[in-house]
């Protein structure tokens, strides 16, 4: 971060009043080799050094979900101010695999994540939900490997609880109105840091808890507001294997994903 600040600061006069938007547009020379603010193709970015990847990460922050910041951000007066800006806006130069690798606790919403979000309403006022067998395998394997798996849902389903318990998921919280508070209490009880917690949600009730989680993830069909704050968006939809997608990534990065034939797909 120090080198990035210096590169911006020493290329542009200290009293420059332009916003970062105009800087990005007009000063491609800010980046050595053109990788920071230039117009290199994605294929040209592959295989570059960690520093160049960090440059891309910084610019992508402004080019995607924080365009308002891009229009208003001014050059920092000091390195301290620059670091405060990065911390306040949660800009990190860690690469995505690093976020996955440090996860020890998976937390999932139920409807729209573990299920496909649809409800079949029966004449006896009961609801039927649909889950995916591939998610069931991954949940069992994660628990067997010592990972914590938690489900926090605003809805209630005895059948879903029975299935999750049968897969080994014992920490199931239903009818939760404040998911953020629920997870905070759970993390405190088990002495967990936020960096090791992955939360996957799909809709507005998950927004506040995802904002404090170490790795916020969303299925492919999550609402736009949730996708905007997610560090990872699965290519798989809710209830179709998105849970397996994130579990598999974490376990493989930690050499814990195995061809475990002793676990039944259910």
Protein backbone atom coordinates (compact mmCIF):
# COMPACT_ATOMS: atom_id res chain seq x y z
CA UNK A 1 0.00 0.00 0.00
CA UNK A 2 2.92 2.34 0.70
CA UNK A 3 4.31 1.90 -2.80
CA UNK A 4 0.87 2.52 -4.34
CA UNK A 5 0.43 5.75 -2.37
CA UNK A 6 3.89 6.97 -3.36
CA UNK A 7 3.31 6.13 -6.98
CA UNK A 8 0.14 8.23 -7.01
CA UNK A 9 1.62 11.02 -4.91
CA UNK A 10 4.91 11.46 -6.77
CA UNK A 11 3.32 11.33 -10.23
CA UNK A 12 0.74 14.02 -9.53
CA UNK A 13 1.44 17.35 -7.79
CA UNK A 14 0.55 17.39 -4.09
CA UNK A 15 -1.89 20.27 -4.50
CA UNK A 16 -3.75 18.64 -7.39
CA UNK A 17 -7.49 19.00 -6.89
CA UNK A 18 -8.62 16.52 -9.52
CA UNK A 19 -10.68 13.55 -8.52
CA UNK A 20 -9.33 10.05 -8.92
CA UNK A 21 -11.84 9.61 -11.75
CA UNK A 22 -10.04 12.16 -13.92
CA UNK A 23 -6.67 10.77 -12.88
CA UNK A 24 -7.63 7.27 -13.95
CA UNK A 25 -8.86 8.61 -17.26
CA UNK A 26 -6.02 10.97 -18.14
CA UNK A 27 -2.86 9.60 -16.54
CA UNK A 28 -2.20 6.02 -17.71
CA UNK A 29 1.50 6.63 -17.05
CA UNK A 30 0.77 6.34 -13.33
CA UNK A 31 1.21 2.63 -13.65
CA UNK A 32 4.53 1.06 -14.53
CA UNK A 33 3.90 -0.91 -17.73
CA UNK A 34 0.32 0.31 -17.98
CA UNK A 35 -1.17 -2.30 -15.70
CA UNK A 36 -2.68 0.03 -13.13
CA UNK A 37 -4.51 2.64 -15.17
CA UNK A 38 -3.78 1.56 -18.73
CA UNK A 39 -6.08 -0.32 -21.06
CA UNK A 40 -4.35 -3.70 -21.13
CA UNK A 41 -6.51 -6.67 -22.00
CA UNK A 42 -7.36 -9.25 -19.36
CA UNK A 43 -5.11 -11.77 -21.09
CA UNK A 44 -2.19 -9.40 -20.72
CA UNK A 45 -2.77 -9.18 -16.98
CA UNK A 46 -2.48 -12.90 -16.39
CA UNK A 47 0.66 -14.11 -14.70
CA UNK A 48 1.81 -10.72 -13.50
CA UNK A 49 3.54 -10.04 -10.22
CA UNK A 50 1.74 -9.71 -6.91
CA UNK A 51 2.28 -5.95 -7.00
CA UNK A 52 0.72 -5.62 -10.42
CA UNK A 53 -2.23 -7.75 -9.31
CA UNK A 54 -2.65 -5.44 -6.33
CA UNK A 55 -2.74 -2.48 -8.67
CA UNK A 56 -5.50 -4.12 -10.67
CA UNK A 57 -7.40 -4.89 -7.44
CA UNK A 58 -7.23 -1.23 -6.40
CA UNK A 59 -8.55 0.08 -9.71
CA UNK A 60 -11.22 -2.59 -10.01
CA UNK A 61 -12.56 -1.38 -6.66
CA UNK A 62 -13.43 1.94 -8.27
CA UNK A 63 -14.44 0.62 -11.66
CA UNK A 64 -17.10 -1.72 -10.34
CA UNK A 65 -19.23 -1.29 -7.22
CA UNK A 66 -17.89 1.99 -5.85
CA UNK A 67 -18.25 4.40 -8.79
CA UNK A 68 -19.57 7.11 -6.48
CA UNK A 69 -16.26 6.99 -4.59
CA UNK A 70 -14.43 7.22 -7.89
CA UNK A 71 -16.14 10.52 -8.70
CA UNK A 72 -15.51 12.11 -5.29
CA UNK A 73 -12.23 10.68 -4.02
CA UNK A 74 -9.39 13.19 -3.77
CA UNK A 75 -5.71 12.48 -3.46
CA UNK A 76 -4.75 11.85 0.16
CA UNK A 77 -2.63 14.45 1.93
CA UNK A 78 -0.63 11.83 3.78
CA UNK A 79 0.07 8.12 3.83
CA UNK A 80 -1.96 7.92 7.05
CA UNK A 81 -5.01 9.38 5.32
CA UNK A 82 -4.56 6.99 2.43
CA UNK A 83 -4.41 3.98 4.75
CA UNK A 84 -7.46 5.21 6.62
CA UNK A 85 -9.31 5.49 3.33
CA UNK A 86 -8.43 1.90 2.43
CA UNK A 87 -9.46 0.62 5.86
CA UNK A 88 -12.69 2.62 5.97
CA UNK A 89 -13.77 1.29 2.58
CA UNK A 90 -12.51 -2.23 3.28
CA UNK A 91 -10.12 -2.26 0.32
CA UNK A 92 -7.83 -5.24 0.65
CA UNK A 93 -4.96 -6.39 -1.52
CA UNK A 94 -5.38 -10.02 -0.58
CA UNK A 95 -6.18 -12.24 -3.51
CA UNK A 96 -9.40 -14.25 -3.50
CA UNK A 97 -7.79 -17.67 -2.80
CA UNK A 98 -6.21 -16.20 0.33
CA UNK A 99 -9.67 -15.29 1.66
CA UNK A 100 -10.93 -18.81 1.04
CA UNK A 101 -7.87 -20.49 2.52
CA UNK A 102 -8.24 -18.91 5.98
CA UNK A 103 -11.91 -19.94 6.41
CA UNK A 104 -12.72 -22.30 9.30
CA UNK A 105 -16.44 -21.60 9.64
CA UNK A 106 -19.15 -21.76 6.98
CA UNK A 107 -22.39 -19.90 7.64
CA UNK A 108 -25.30 -20.27 5.24
CA UNK A 109 -28.73 -18.78 4.83
CA UNK A 110 -31.31 -21.46 4.09
CA UNK A 111 -33.92 -20.24 1.58
CA UNK A 112 -32.23 -19.24 -1.66
CA UNK A 113 -28.85 -20.67 -0.67
CA UNK A 114 -29.32 -24.20 0.66
CA UNK A 115 -32.64 -24.31 -1.20
CA UNK A 116 -33.60 -22.93 -4.60
CA UNK A 117 -35.82 -20.32 -2.94
CA UNK A 118 -39.11 -21.80 -4.06
CA UNK A 119 -41.89 -23.06 -1.79
CA UNK A 120 -44.45 -25.67 -2.71
CA UNK A 121 -47.58 -24.91 -0.69
CA UNK A 122 -49.66 -27.94 0.27
CA UNK A 123 -53.36 -28.02 1.17
CA UNK A 124 -52.50 -28.73 4.81
CA UNK A 125 -50.60 -25.42 5.03
CA UNK A 126 -47.23 -27.19 4.95
CA UNK A 127 -44.35 -25.97 2.78
CA UNK A 128 -41.98 -28.13 0.75
CA UNK A 129 -38.43 -26.97 -0.02
CA UNK A 130 -35.84 -28.46 -2.34
CA UNK A 131 -32.16 -28.96 -1.51
CA UNK A 132 -29.31 -30.41 -3.56
CA UNK A 133 -27.60 -33.74 -2.97
CA UNK A 134 -24.19 -32.36 -3.97
CA UNK A 135 -24.44 -29.75 -1.20
CA UNK A 136 -25.19 -32.56 1.24
CA UNK A 137 -21.95 -34.36 0.39
CA UNK A 138 -19.86 -31.21 0.81
CA UNK A 139 -21.47 -30.33 4.13
CA UNK A 140 -20.71 -33.78 5.51
CA UNK A 141 -17.11 -33.69 4.31
CA UNK A 142 -16.49 -30.21 5.75
CA UNK A 143 -17.74 -31.35 9.16
CA UNK A 144 -15.67 -34.51 8.99
CA UNK A 145 -12.58 -32.38 8.31
CA UNK A 146 -13.23 -30.26 11.40
CA UNK A 147 -14.87 -27.19 9.87
CA UNK A 148 -17.78 -25.49 11.60
CA UNK A 149 -21.01 -25.32 9.61
CA UNK A 150 -23.80 -23.00 10.70
CA UNK A 151 -27.22 -22.26 9.22
CA UNK A 152 -29.02 -19.01 10.10
CA UNK A 153 -32.48 -18.53 8.65
CA UNK A 154 -35.38 -16.19 9.12
CA UNK A 155 -37.81 -18.94 8.18
CA UNK A 156 -38.67 -22.14 10.02
CA UNK A 157 -38.81 -25.74 8.81
CA UNK A 158 -38.70 -28.81 11.00
CA UNK A 159 -38.04 -30.94 7.91
CA UNK A 160 -35.05 -28.81 6.95
CA UNK A 161 -33.65 -28.98 10.48
CA UNK A 162 -34.03 -32.76 10.44
CA UNK A 163 -32.16 -33.01 7.15
CA UNK A 164 -29.38 -30.69 8.26
CA UNK A 165 -28.98 -32.53 11.56
CA UNK A 166 -28.80 -35.78 9.60
CA UNK A 167 -25.91 -34.33 7.59
CA UNK A 168 -24.11 -33.46 10.81
CA UNK A 169 -25.03 -29.76 10.90
CA UNK A 170 -25.98 -29.15 14.52
CA UNK A 171 -25.73 -25.36 14.68
CA UNK A 172 -29.03 -24.49 13.02
CA UNK A 173 -30.76 -21.25 13.99
CA UNK A 174 -34.30 -20.76 12.70
CA UNK A 175 -36.76 -17.85 12.92
CA UNK A 176 -33.91 -15.39 13.35
CA UNK A 177 -34.87 -11.77 12.70
CA UNK A 178 -31.43 -10.30 13.41
CA UNK A 179 -28.88 -12.52 11.69
CA UNK A 180 -26.02 -10.15 12.43
CA UNK A 181 -26.60 -10.33 16.18
CA UNK A 182 -27.00 -14.10 16.00
CA UNK A 183 -23.66 -14.55 14.26
CA UNK A 184 -21.92 -12.07 16.55
CA UNK A 185 -23.02 -14.10 19.58
CA UNK A 186 -21.95 -17.34 17.91
CA UNK A 187 -18.53 -15.94 17.00
CA UNK A 188 -18.02 -14.65 20.53
CA UNK A 189 -19.07 -17.95 22.08
CA UNK A 190 -16.64 -19.95 19.95
CA UNK A 191 -13.91 -17.29 19.99
CA UNK A 192 -13.89 -16.89 16.21
CA UNK A 193 -12.33 -14.01 14.31
CA UNK A 194 -14.34 -12.52 11.46
CA UNK A 195 -11.55 -13.32 9.01
CA UNK A 196 -12.25 -17.05 9.35
CA UNK A 197 -16.01 -16.79 8.79
CA UNK A 198 -17.62 -17.23 5.37
CA UNK A 199 -21.25 -16.20 5.02
CA UNK A 200 -23.31 -16.99 1.94
CA UNK A 201 -26.59 -15.13 1.52
CA UNK A 202 -28.90 -14.21 -1.31
CA UNK A 203 -31.31 -11.46 -0.24
CA UNK A 204 -31.69 -8.24 1.75
CA UNK A 205 -32.10 -9.91 5.21
CA UNK A 206 -28.51 -11.17 4.77
CA UNK A 207 -27.07 -7.75 3.98
CA UNK A 208 -25.93 -6.58 7.43
CA UNK A 209 -24.44 -9.90 8.49
CA UNK A 210 -22.56 -10.23 5.21
CA UNK A 211 -21.03 -6.80 5.71
CA UNK A 212 -19.23 -7.97 8.85
CA UNK A 213 -18.24 -11.43 7.64
CA UNK A 214 -14.67 -12.16 6.59
CA UNK A 215 -15.75 -13.57 3.23
CA UNK A 216 -19.16 -12.59 1.88
CA UNK A 217 -20.40 -14.91 -0.88
CA UNK A 218 -23.55 -15.09 -2.96
CA UNK A 219 -25.17 -17.60 -5.30
CA UNK A 220 -25.49 -16.71 -8.97
CA UNK A 221 -29.14 -15.70 -8.59
CA UNK A 222 -28.75 -13.45 -5.54
CA UNK A 223 -30.33 -9.99 -5.63
CA UNK A 224 -28.16 -7.12 -6.96
CA UNK A 225 -27.68 -5.50 -3.54
CA UNK A 226 -26.15 -8.71 -2.18
CA UNK A 227 -23.96 -9.27 -5.21
CA UNK A 228 -22.63 -5.75 -4.81
CA UNK A 229 -21.18 -6.46 -1.37
CA UNK A 230 -20.04 -10.02 -2.11
CA UNK A 231 -16.37 -10.72 -2.59
CA UNK A 232 -17.25 -13.95 -4.37
CA UNK A 233 -20.30 -14.70 -6.52
CA UNK A 234 -20.72 -18.37 -7.29
CA UNK A 235 -21.51 -19.33 -10.88
CA UNK A 236 -24.05 -21.74 -9.36
CA UNK A 237 -27.56 -20.74 -8.30
CA UNK A 238 -29.08 -21.21 -4.86
CA UNK A 239 -30.17 -24.77 -4.09
CA UNK A 240 -28.28 -26.05 -7.12
CA UNK A 241 -24.83 -26.60 -5.60
CA UNK A 242 -23.56 -23.13 -4.65
CA UNK A 243 -22.87 -24.37 -1.11
CA UNK A 244 -20.70 -27.15 -2.46
CA UNK A 245 -18.91 -24.63 -4.67
CA UNK A 246 -17.58 -22.55 -1.77
CA UNK A 247 -16.91 -25.52 0.52
CA UNK A 248 -14.95 -27.27 -2.20
CA UNK A 249 -12.81 -24.18 -2.78
CA UNK A 250 -11.89 -23.87 0.89
CA UNK A 251 -11.13 -27.55 1.36
CA UNK A 252 -9.07 -27.85 -1.81
CA UNK A 253 -6.95 -24.84 -0.87
CA UNK A 254 -6.26 -26.50 2.48
CA UNK A 255 -5.62 -29.96 0.98
CA UNK A 256 -8.69 -31.32 2.76
CA UNK A 257 -10.83 -32.21 -0.24
CA UNK A 258 -10.75 -35.97 -0.76
CA UNK A 259 -12.39 -38.68 -2.81
CA UNK A 260 -14.26 -39.75 0.31
CA UNK A 261 -16.32 -42.79 -0.62
CA UNK A 262 -17.39 -43.34 2.99
CA UNK A 263 -19.76 -40.39 2.82
CA UNK A 264 -23.13 -40.96 1.20
CA UNK A 265 -24.58 -38.36 -1.15
CA UNK A 266 -27.84 -37.45 0.53
